[in-house]
């Protein structure tokens, strides 16, 4: 089965120097993703657009947030199959990424991907977000400049799982569906409670001629 974008110039335009690593990731997903329960059977021939390029859509927002910050750190919550954490880490080798995933079999997958893609800026942690938050509050871990996630939970829950992980002036960058604005409206109290400011939805390009995606941005007080 061939991915529709395998030979497309869009891949290099979006992924740049990360393309060789992402080609390896794509092969691994194609061969192992469905049997290991990481992607659905309908995803196999649209992996580039649906998962990899979609994940890469958050890269400009991370870059904007971390500009001028040395040793910037990013936590990806509920990394699952590596979306968006593996993709963003490949695109941003100057940032340190922590992929937070509670399920052992997914943690194993993520570690394999990190090694096979040659990503030296990634740490995989088997934990729930609440455990990482507890470590930060007890000064056993440092808060992050950026927190990312994709298809983890509605904003009413996600606010409490992500905003406490952020440094002051940090930012949540969450890939969301078309109900993103409704989620923000419903979660306004939770966002404010956890120190979130200026919650907004932006339409993020995925690639030339491809349908854009929705990204929720929330700044930390």
C-alpha atoms as a PDB file:
ATOM      1  CA  UNK A   1       0.000   0.000   0.000  1.00  0.00           C
ATOM      2  CA  UNK A   2       1.403   3.415  -1.004  1.00  0.00           C
ATOM      3  CA  UNK A   3       0.868   6.632   0.886  1.00  0.00           C
ATOM      4  CA  UNK A   4      -0.685   9.302  -1.324  1.00  0.00           C
ATOM      5  CA  UNK A   5       2.063  11.826  -0.494  1.00  0.00           C
ATOM      6  CA  UNK A   6       5.134   9.571  -0.702  1.00  0.00           C
ATOM      7  CA  UNK A   7       6.684  11.441  -3.639  1.00  0.00           C
ATOM      8  CA  UNK A   8       5.224  14.874  -2.923  1.00  0.00           C
ATOM      9  CA  UNK A   9       7.485  17.965  -2.635  1.00  0.00           C
ATOM     10  CA  UNK A  10       5.205  19.036   0.240  1.00  0.00           C
ATOM     11  CA  UNK A  11       7.107  16.686   2.555  1.00  0.00           C
ATOM     12  CA  UNK A  12      10.412  18.500   2.149  1.00  0.00           C
ATOM     13  CA  UNK A  13       8.713  21.904   2.197  1.00  0.00           C
ATOM     14  CA  UNK A  14       7.122  21.184   5.591  1.00  0.00           C
ATOM     15  CA  UNK A  15       9.636  18.863   7.255  1.00  0.00           C
ATOM     16  CA  UNK A  16      12.936  20.167   5.889  1.00  0.00           C
ATOM     17  CA  UNK A  17      15.934  18.549   7.551  1.00  0.00           C
ATOM     18  CA  UNK A  18      13.617  16.322   9.608  1.00  0.00           C
ATOM     19  CA  UNK A  19      12.457  14.491   6.464  1.00  0.00           C
ATOM     20  CA  UNK A  20      14.971  11.570   6.602  1.00  0.00           C
ATOM     21  CA  UNK A  21      13.998  10.781  10.204  1.00  0.00           C
ATOM     22  CA  UNK A  22      10.314  11.135   9.359  1.00  0.00           C
ATOM     23  CA  UNK A  23      10.662   8.761   6.407  1.00  0.00           C
ATOM     24  CA  UNK A  24      11.996   6.168   8.853  1.00  0.00           C
ATOM     25  CA  UNK A  25       9.102   6.925  11.202  1.00  0.00           C
ATOM     26  CA  UNK A  26       6.670   6.576   8.294  1.00  0.00           C
ATOM     27  CA  UNK A  27       8.070   3.151   7.362  1.00  0.00           C
ATOM     28  CA  UNK A  28       7.808   1.970  10.976  1.00  0.00           C
ATOM     29  CA  UNK A  29       4.227   3.223  11.222  1.00  0.00           C
ATOM     30  CA  UNK A  30       3.307   1.582   7.921  1.00  0.00           C
ATOM     31  CA  UNK A  31       4.761  -1.785   8.956  1.00  0.00           C
ATOM     32  CA  UNK A  32       3.883  -1.867  12.652  1.00  0.00           C
ATOM     33  CA  UNK A  33       1.392   0.866  13.481  1.00  0.00           C
ATOM     34  CA  UNK A  34      -1.843  -0.996  12.817  1.00  0.00           C
ATOM     35  CA  UNK A  35      -0.817  -4.396  14.316  1.00  0.00           C
ATOM     36  CA  UNK A  36       0.384  -2.626  17.449  1.00  0.00           C
ATOM     37  CA  UNK A  37      -2.866  -0.677  17.814  1.00  0.00           C
ATOM     38  CA  UNK A  38      -1.379   2.770  17.194  1.00  0.00           C
ATOM     39  CA  UNK A  39      -3.257   3.674  14.013  1.00  0.00           C
ATOM     40  CA  UNK A  40      -6.442   2.477  12.339  1.00  0.00           C
ATOM     41  CA  UNK A  41      -6.546   0.428   9.129  1.00  0.00           C
ATOM     42  CA  UNK A  42      -7.838   3.411   7.139  1.00  0.00           C
ATOM     43  CA  UNK A  43      -4.839   5.518   8.187  1.00  0.00           C
ATOM     44  CA  UNK A  44      -2.127   3.425   6.542  1.00  0.00           C
ATOM     45  CA  UNK A  45      -2.265   5.100   3.118  1.00  0.00           C
ATOM     46  CA  UNK A  46      -2.712   8.642   4.486  1.00  0.00           C
ATOM     47  CA  UNK A  47      -0.108   8.635   7.271  1.00  0.00           C
ATOM     48  CA  UNK A  48       1.778  11.646   5.965  1.00  0.00           C
ATOM     49  CA  UNK A  49      -1.232  13.953   5.886  1.00  0.00           C
ATOM     50  CA  UNK A  50      -3.313  12.663   8.778  1.00  0.00           C
ATOM     51  CA  UNK A  51      -0.580  12.095  11.330  1.00  0.00           C
ATOM     52  CA  UNK A  52       2.881  13.380  10.407  1.00  0.00           C
ATOM     53  CA  UNK A  53       2.149  16.654   8.604  1.00  0.00           C
ATOM     54  CA  UNK A  54      -0.779  17.285  10.941  1.00  0.00           C
ATOM     55  CA  UNK A  55       1.597  16.963  13.889  1.00  0.00           C
ATOM     56  CA  UNK A  56       4.173  19.215  12.222  1.00  0.00           C
ATOM     57  CA  UNK A  57       1.572  22.001  12.081  1.00  0.00           C
ATOM     58  CA  UNK A  58       2.389  22.860  15.703  1.00  0.00           C
ATOM     59  CA  UNK A  59       6.102  23.420  15.044  1.00  0.00           C
ATOM     60  CA  UNK A  60       5.833  27.154  14.187  1.00  0.00           C
ATOM     61  CA  UNK A  61       3.957  27.798  17.452  1.00  0.00           C
ATOM     62  CA  UNK A  62       6.628  26.016  19.504  1.00  0.00           C
ATOM     63  CA  UNK A  63       9.349  27.893  17.650  1.00  0.00           C
ATOM     64  CA  UNK A  64       7.596  31.220  18.280  1.00  0.00           C
ATOM     65  CA  UNK A  65       7.201  30.483  22.004  1.00  0.00           C
ATOM     66  CA  UNK A  66      10.782  29.306  22.541  1.00  0.00           C
ATOM     67  CA  UNK A  67      12.521  31.982  20.442  1.00  0.00           C
ATOM     68  CA  UNK A  68      15.335  33.511  22.456  1.00  0.00           C
ATOM     69  CA  UNK A  69      15.118  30.906  25.213  1.00  0.00           C
ATOM     70  CA  UNK A  70      18.204  28.749  25.645  1.00  0.00           C
ATOM     71  CA  UNK A  71      17.688  25.046  26.425  1.00  0.00           C
ATOM     72  CA  UNK A  72      13.947  25.332  25.837  1.00  0.00           C
ATOM     73  CA  UNK A  73      11.893  22.363  26.996  1.00  0.00           C
ATOM     74  CA  UNK A  74       8.700  20.815  25.642  1.00  0.00           C
ATOM     75  CA  UNK A  75       6.460  18.216  27.288  1.00  0.00           C
ATOM     76  CA  UNK A  76       4.188  16.161  25.037  1.00  0.00           C
ATOM     77  CA  UNK A  77       1.313  14.711  27.037  1.00  0.00           C
ATOM     78  CA  UNK A  78      -0.250  11.390  26.056  1.00  0.00           C
ATOM     79  CA  UNK A  79       2.259  10.845  23.253  1.00  0.00           C
ATOM     80  CA  UNK A  80       0.705   7.534  22.132  1.00  0.00           C
ATOM     81  CA  UNK A  81       1.966   6.702  18.658  1.00  0.00           C
ATOM     82  CA  UNK A  82       4.292   9.706  18.663  1.00  0.00           C
ATOM     83  CA  UNK A  83       1.878  12.442  17.602  1.00  0.00           C
ATOM     84  CA  UNK A  84       2.834  15.185  17.829  1.00  0.00           C
ATOM     85  CA  UNK A  85       5.887  14.572  20.059  1.00  0.00           C
ATOM     86  CA  UNK A  86       8.112  12.475  17.792  1.00  0.00           C
ATOM     87  CA  UNK A  87       7.386  14.682  14.780  1.00  0.00           C
ATOM     88  CA  UNK A  88       7.911  17.979  16.624  1.00  0.00           C
ATOM     89  CA  UNK A  89      11.127  16.715  18.221  1.00  0.00           C
ATOM     90  CA  UNK A  90      12.531  15.752  14.815  1.00  0.00           C
ATOM     91  CA  UNK A  91      11.712  19.219  13.476  1.00  0.00           C
ATOM     92  CA  UNK A  92      13.122  21.076  16.517  1.00  0.00           C
ATOM     93  CA  UNK A  93      16.444  19.469  17.517  1.00  0.00           C
ATOM     94  CA  UNK A  94      17.349  22.601  19.497  1.00  0.00           C
ATOM     95  CA  UNK A  95      14.561  21.889  22.037  1.00  0.00           C
ATOM     96  CA  UNK A  96      14.524  19.177  24.677  1.00  0.00           C
ATOM     97  CA  UNK A  97      11.386  17.026  24.501  1.00  0.00           C
ATOM     98  CA  UNK A  98       9.836  14.872  27.229  1.00  0.00           C
ATOM     99  CA  UNK A  99       7.223  12.449  25.930  1.00  0.00           C
ATOM    100  CA  UNK A 100       4.798  11.554  28.732  1.00  0.00           C
ATOM    101  CA  UNK A 101       2.784   8.364  28.170  1.00  0.00           C
ATOM    102  CA  UNK A 102       1.212   6.079  30.814  1.00  0.00           C
ATOM    103  CA  UNK A 103       0.771   2.883  28.739  1.00  0.00           C
ATOM    104  CA  UNK A 104       3.749   0.523  28.805  1.00  0.00           C
ATOM    105  CA  UNK A 105       3.348  -0.816  25.266  1.00  0.00           C
ATOM    106  CA  UNK A 106       3.208   2.713  23.878  1.00  0.00           C
ATOM    107  CA  UNK A 107       6.238   3.733  25.918  1.00  0.00           C
ATOM    108  CA  UNK A 108       8.134   0.835  24.353  1.00  0.00           C
ATOM    109  CA  UNK A 109       7.027   1.952  20.883  1.00  0.00           C
ATOM    110  CA  UNK A 110       8.104   5.554  21.549  1.00  0.00           C
ATOM    111  CA  UNK A 111      11.538   4.451  22.754  1.00  0.00           C
ATOM    112  CA  UNK A 112      11.987   2.358  19.610  1.00  0.00           C
ATOM    113  CA  UNK A 113      11.010   5.336  17.434  1.00  0.00           C
ATOM    114  CA  UNK A 114      13.399   7.667  19.250  1.00  0.00           C
ATOM    115  CA  UNK A 115      16.274   5.233  18.739  1.00  0.00           C
ATOM    116  CA  UNK A 116      15.486   4.306  15.133  1.00  0.00           C
ATOM    117  CA  UNK A 117      14.942   7.934  14.087  1.00  0.00           C
ATOM    118  CA  UNK A 118      18.151   9.028  15.846  1.00  0.00           C
ATOM    119  CA  UNK A 119      16.469  11.640  18.039  1.00  0.00           C
ATOM    120  CA  UNK A 120      18.951  12.782  20.669  1.00  0.00           C
ATOM    121  CA  UNK A 121      16.742  15.472  22.179  1.00  0.00           C
ATOM    122  CA  UNK A 122      13.983  13.181  23.502  1.00  0.00           C
ATOM    123  CA  UNK A 123      13.279  11.511  26.830  1.00  0.00           C
ATOM    124  CA  UNK A 124      10.349   9.111  27.166  1.00  0.00           C
ATOM    125  CA  UNK A 125       8.672   8.958  30.580  1.00  0.00           C
ATOM    126  CA  UNK A 126       6.081   6.400  31.601  1.00  0.00           C
ATOM    127  CA  UNK A 127       3.756   8.484  33.759  1.00  0.00           C
ATOM    128  CA  UNK A 128       0.476  10.309  33.876  1.00  0.00           C
ATOM    129  CA  UNK A 129       0.456  14.063  33.632  1.00  0.00           C
ATOM    130  CA  UNK A 130      -0.651  14.322  37.269  1.00  0.00           C
ATOM    131  CA  UNK A 131       2.516  12.512  38.383  1.00  0.00           C
ATOM    132  CA  UNK A 132       4.738  14.946  36.493  1.00  0.00           C
ATOM    133  CA  UNK A 133       2.808  17.870  37.981  1.00  0.00           C
ATOM    134  CA  UNK A 134       3.369  16.412  41.468  1.00  0.00           C
ATOM    135  CA  UNK A 135       7.115  16.166  40.785  1.00  0.00           C
ATOM    136  CA  UNK A 136       7.205  19.813  39.683  1.00  0.00           C
ATOM    137  CA  UNK A 137       5.366  20.918  42.827  1.00  0.00           C
ATOM    138  CA  UNK A 138       7.827  18.974  44.960  1.00  0.00           C
ATOM    139  CA  UNK A 139      10.754  20.489  43.008  1.00  0.00           C
ATOM    140  CA  UNK A 140      11.803  17.077  41.689  1.00  0.00           C
ATOM    141  CA  UNK A 141      11.262  18.289  38.129  1.00  0.00           C
ATOM    142  CA  UNK A 142      11.266  21.621  36.347  1.00  0.00           C
ATOM    143  CA  UNK A 143       8.293  23.128  34.547  1.00  0.00           C
ATOM    144  CA  UNK A 144       8.329  23.368  30.764  1.00  0.00           C
ATOM    145  CA  UNK A 145       8.354  26.198  28.244  1.00  0.00           C
ATOM    146  CA  UNK A 146       5.750  24.491  26.056  1.00  0.00           C
ATOM    147  CA  UNK A 147       3.268  21.667  26.536  1.00  0.00           C
ATOM    148  CA  UNK A 148       1.835  19.894  23.499  1.00  0.00           C
ATOM    149  CA  UNK A 149      -0.828  17.238  22.972  1.00  0.00           C
ATOM    150  CA  UNK A 150      -3.125  15.801  20.343  1.00  0.00           C
ATOM    151  CA  UNK A 151      -6.509  14.141  20.812  1.00  0.00           C
ATOM    152  CA  UNK A 152      -5.970  13.504  24.528  1.00  0.00           C
ATOM    153  CA  UNK A 153      -9.059  14.936  26.255  1.00  0.00           C
ATOM    154  CA  UNK A 154     -11.545  17.836  26.107  1.00  0.00           C
ATOM    155  CA  UNK A 155     -10.249  21.172  27.382  1.00  0.00           C
ATOM    156  CA  UNK A 156     -12.282  20.883  30.593  1.00  0.00           C
ATOM    157  CA  UNK A 157      -9.914  18.068  31.617  1.00  0.00           C
ATOM    158  CA  UNK A 158      -6.880  19.032  29.577  1.00  0.00           C
ATOM    159  CA  UNK A 159      -6.481  22.404  31.306  1.00  0.00           C
ATOM    160  CA  UNK A 160      -5.704  20.770  34.643  1.00  0.00           C
ATOM    161  CA  UNK A 161      -3.443  18.170  33.054  1.00  0.00           C
ATOM    162  CA  UNK A 162      -1.302  20.630  31.092  1.00  0.00           C
ATOM    163  CA  UNK A 163      -1.284  24.209  32.388  1.00  0.00           C
ATOM    164  CA  UNK A 164       0.327  23.291  35.773  1.00  0.00           C
ATOM    165  CA  UNK A 165       3.274  21.850  33.797  1.00  0.00           C
ATOM    166  CA  UNK A 166       4.141  25.238  32.305  1.00  0.00           C
ATOM    167  CA  UNK A 167       6.584  27.904  33.384  1.00  0.00           C
ATOM    168  CA  UNK A 168       5.231  31.444  33.697  1.00  0.00           C
ATOM    169  CA  UNK A 169       4.898  32.831  30.140  1.00  0.00           C
ATOM    170  CA  UNK A 170       4.922  29.297  28.768  1.00  0.00           C
ATOM    171  CA  UNK A 171       2.289  28.078  26.332  1.00  0.00           C
ATOM    172  CA  UNK A 172      -0.031  25.154  25.732  1.00  0.00           C
ATOM    173  CA  UNK A 173      -0.136  24.137  22.055  1.00  0.00           C
ATOM    174  CA  UNK A 174      -2.867  21.543  21.500  1.00  0.00           C
ATOM    175  CA  UNK A 175      -3.988  19.998  18.227  1.00  0.00           C
ATOM    176  CA  UNK A 176      -7.773  19.904  18.202  1.00  0.00           C
ATOM    177  CA  UNK A 177     -10.746  19.161  15.972  1.00  0.00           C
ATOM    178  CA  UNK A 178     -13.431  21.447  14.655  1.00  0.00           C
ATOM    179  CA  UNK A 179     -15.117  21.711  18.063  1.00  0.00           C
ATOM    180  CA  UNK A 180     -12.071  23.500  19.484  1.00  0.00           C
ATOM    181  CA  UNK A 181     -13.775  26.857  20.064  1.00  0.00           C
ATOM    182  CA  UNK A 182     -16.743  25.212  21.783  1.00  0.00           C
ATOM    183  CA  UNK A 183     -14.311  23.332  24.023  1.00  0.00           C
ATOM    184  CA  UNK A 184     -12.563  26.576  24.999  1.00  0.00           C
ATOM    185  CA  UNK A 185     -15.863  28.272  25.794  1.00  0.00           C
ATOM    186  CA  UNK A 186     -16.956  25.374  27.983  1.00  0.00           C
ATOM    187  CA  UNK A 187     -13.575  25.221  29.762  1.00  0.00           C
ATOM    188  CA  UNK A 188     -13.138  28.943  30.438  1.00  0.00           C
ATOM    189  CA  UNK A 189     -13.340  28.551  34.225  1.00  0.00           C
ATOM    190  CA  UNK A 190     -10.855  25.659  34.312  1.00  0.00           C
ATOM    191  CA  UNK A 191      -8.419  27.546  32.074  1.00  0.00           C
ATOM    192  CA  UNK A 192      -8.520  30.587  34.360  1.00  0.00           C
ATOM    193  CA  UNK A 193      -8.254  28.422  37.485  1.00  0.00           C
ATOM    194  CA  UNK A 194      -4.960  26.922  36.292  1.00  0.00           C
ATOM    195  CA  UNK A 195      -3.430  30.232  35.236  1.00  0.00           C
ATOM    196  CA  UNK A 196      -4.295  30.164  31.547  1.00  0.00           C
ATOM    197  CA  UNK A 197      -4.537  33.413  29.607  1.00  0.00           C
ATOM    198  CA  UNK A 198      -5.807  34.373  26.132  1.00  0.00           C
ATOM    199  CA  UNK A 199      -7.206  30.968  25.100  1.00  0.00           C
ATOM    200  CA  UNK A 200      -7.717  30.986  21.352  1.00  0.00           C
ATOM    201  CA  UNK A 201      -8.090  28.770  18.309  1.00  0.00           C
ATOM    202  CA  UNK A 202      -5.948  29.286  15.231  1.00  0.00           C
ATOM    203  CA  UNK A 203      -6.167  27.582  11.868  1.00  0.00           C
ATOM    204  CA  UNK A 204      -2.780  26.045  11.153  1.00  0.00           C
ATOM    205  CA  UNK A 205      -1.577  25.090   7.657  1.00  0.00           C
ATOM    206  CA  UNK A 206      -0.640  21.431   7.156  1.00  0.00           C
ATOM    207  CA  UNK A 207       0.820  21.709   3.661  1.00  0.00           C
ATOM    208  CA  UNK A 208       0.110  23.321   0.296  1.00  0.00           C
ATOM    209  CA  UNK A 209      -3.265  22.144  -0.965  1.00  0.00           C
ATOM    210  CA  UNK A 210      -4.048  20.156   2.195  1.00  0.00           C
ATOM    211  CA  UNK A 211      -6.845  20.886   4.651  1.00  0.00           C
ATOM    212  CA  UNK A 212      -5.588  23.003   7.576  1.00  0.00           C
ATOM    213  CA  UNK A 213      -5.926  21.861  11.153  1.00  0.00           C
ATOM    214  CA  UNK A 214      -7.007  23.584  14.375  1.00  0.00           C
ATOM    215  CA  UNK A 215      -4.585  24.479  17.139  1.00  0.00           C
ATOM    216  CA  UNK A 216      -5.569  25.717  20.602  1.00  0.00           C
ATOM    217  CA  UNK A 217      -3.124  28.146  22.200  1.00  0.00           C
ATOM    218  CA  UNK A 218      -3.246  29.072  25.875  1.00  0.00           C
ATOM    219  CA  UNK A 219      -0.584  31.231  27.527  1.00  0.00           C
ATOM    220  CA  UNK A 220       0.467  30.734  31.143  1.00  0.00           C
ATOM    221  CA  UNK A 221       0.203  33.621  33.556  1.00  0.00           C
END
